[in-house]
Protein backbone atom coordinates (compact mmCIF):
# COMPACT_ATOMS: atom_id res chain seq x y z
CA MET A 1 -49.13 -17.21 28.50
CA THR A 2 -45.79 -15.64 29.05
CA SER A 3 -44.62 -14.59 32.45
CA PRO A 4 -43.30 -11.10 33.27
CA ASP A 5 -39.80 -12.53 33.50
CA THR A 6 -40.07 -13.94 30.00
CA LEU A 7 -41.28 -10.59 28.65
CA ASP A 8 -38.35 -8.84 30.34
CA ILE A 9 -35.91 -11.31 28.79
CA ILE A 10 -37.50 -10.83 25.36
CA GLN A 11 -37.25 -7.02 25.65
CA ARG A 12 -33.63 -7.23 26.77
CA LEU A 13 -32.84 -9.60 23.91
CA GLU A 14 -34.47 -7.25 21.39
CA ALA A 15 -32.50 -4.31 22.81
CA LEU A 16 -29.27 -6.29 22.45
CA GLU A 17 -30.16 -7.22 18.87
CA ILE A 18 -30.77 -3.55 18.06
CA LYS A 19 -27.45 -2.53 19.62
CA ALA A 20 -25.66 -5.30 17.73
CA SER A 21 -27.22 -4.12 14.48
CA PHE A 22 -26.12 -0.52 15.05
CA THR A 23 -22.66 -1.72 16.07
CA GLU A 24 -22.31 -3.74 12.86
CA ASP A 25 -23.39 -0.70 10.81
CA LEU A 26 -20.90 1.52 12.62
CA LEU A 27 -18.13 -1.02 12.07
CA ASP A 28 -18.91 -1.12 8.34
CA GLN A 29 -18.78 2.68 8.18
CA LEU A 30 -15.47 2.79 10.05
CA ASN A 31 -13.98 0.14 7.77
CA MET A 32 -15.03 2.15 4.71
CA THR A 33 -13.52 5.31 6.19
CA ILE A 34 -10.24 3.53 6.89
CA TYR A 35 -10.22 2.08 3.37
CA GLN A 36 -10.79 5.52 1.82
CA GLN A 37 -8.10 7.08 4.01
CA GLN A 38 -5.62 4.40 3.00
CA GLN A 39 -6.39 5.04 -0.66
CA LEU A 40 -5.76 8.75 -0.10
CA ILE A 41 -2.50 8.04 1.75
CA ASP A 42 -1.34 5.79 -1.08
CA ARG A 43 -2.23 8.43 -3.69
CA LEU A 44 -0.47 11.20 -1.76
CA THR A 45 2.60 9.02 -1.22
CA HIS A 46 2.74 8.37 -4.95
CA GLU A 47 2.47 12.11 -5.66
CA VAL A 48 5.27 12.91 -3.20
CA ILE A 49 7.49 10.32 -4.89
CA GLN A 50 6.75 11.87 -8.28
CA LEU A 51 7.48 15.39 -6.99
CA ARG A 52 10.78 14.25 -5.50
CA GLN A 53 11.74 12.76 -8.83
CA GLN A 54 10.84 15.99 -10.66
CA ALA A 55 12.62 18.32 -8.23
CA PRO A 56 16.28 19.06 -8.89
CA GLU A 57 18.83 17.61 -6.52
CA GLY A 58 19.35 19.56 -3.30
CA GLY A 59 22.90 20.68 -4.12
CA ALA A 60 22.24 21.56 -7.76
CA GLN A 61 21.11 25.12 -6.98
CA GLY A 62 24.07 25.95 -4.81
CA PRO A 63 23.89 27.60 -1.41
CA ARG A 64 20.78 29.66 -0.77
CA ASN A 65 20.82 33.14 0.69
CA LEU A 66 17.99 33.96 3.12
CA ARG A 67 17.81 37.51 1.70
CA ASP A 68 16.80 36.02 -1.64
CA GLU A 69 13.73 34.55 0.03
CA LEU A 70 12.40 37.84 1.44
CA PRO A 71 9.19 39.15 -0.11
CA PRO A 72 9.68 42.08 -2.54
CA HIS A 73 8.26 44.72 -0.16
CA TYR A 74 11.22 44.43 2.25
């Protein structure tokens, strides 16, 4: 037969195993989230580089007047 102390140890061990299992699952989910975010960051960085290459140089348009940027209803 098993003593009450042994049963307590078994229950505590099972609880720790369950917590470890959930922790491993959470870690896998977090790693996947970080991986997906890094892919998105890389894609957005690539798009920004492409947009900078497509945009004309900053001085090519000449000086800008703030009145030219007002909406038409002003």
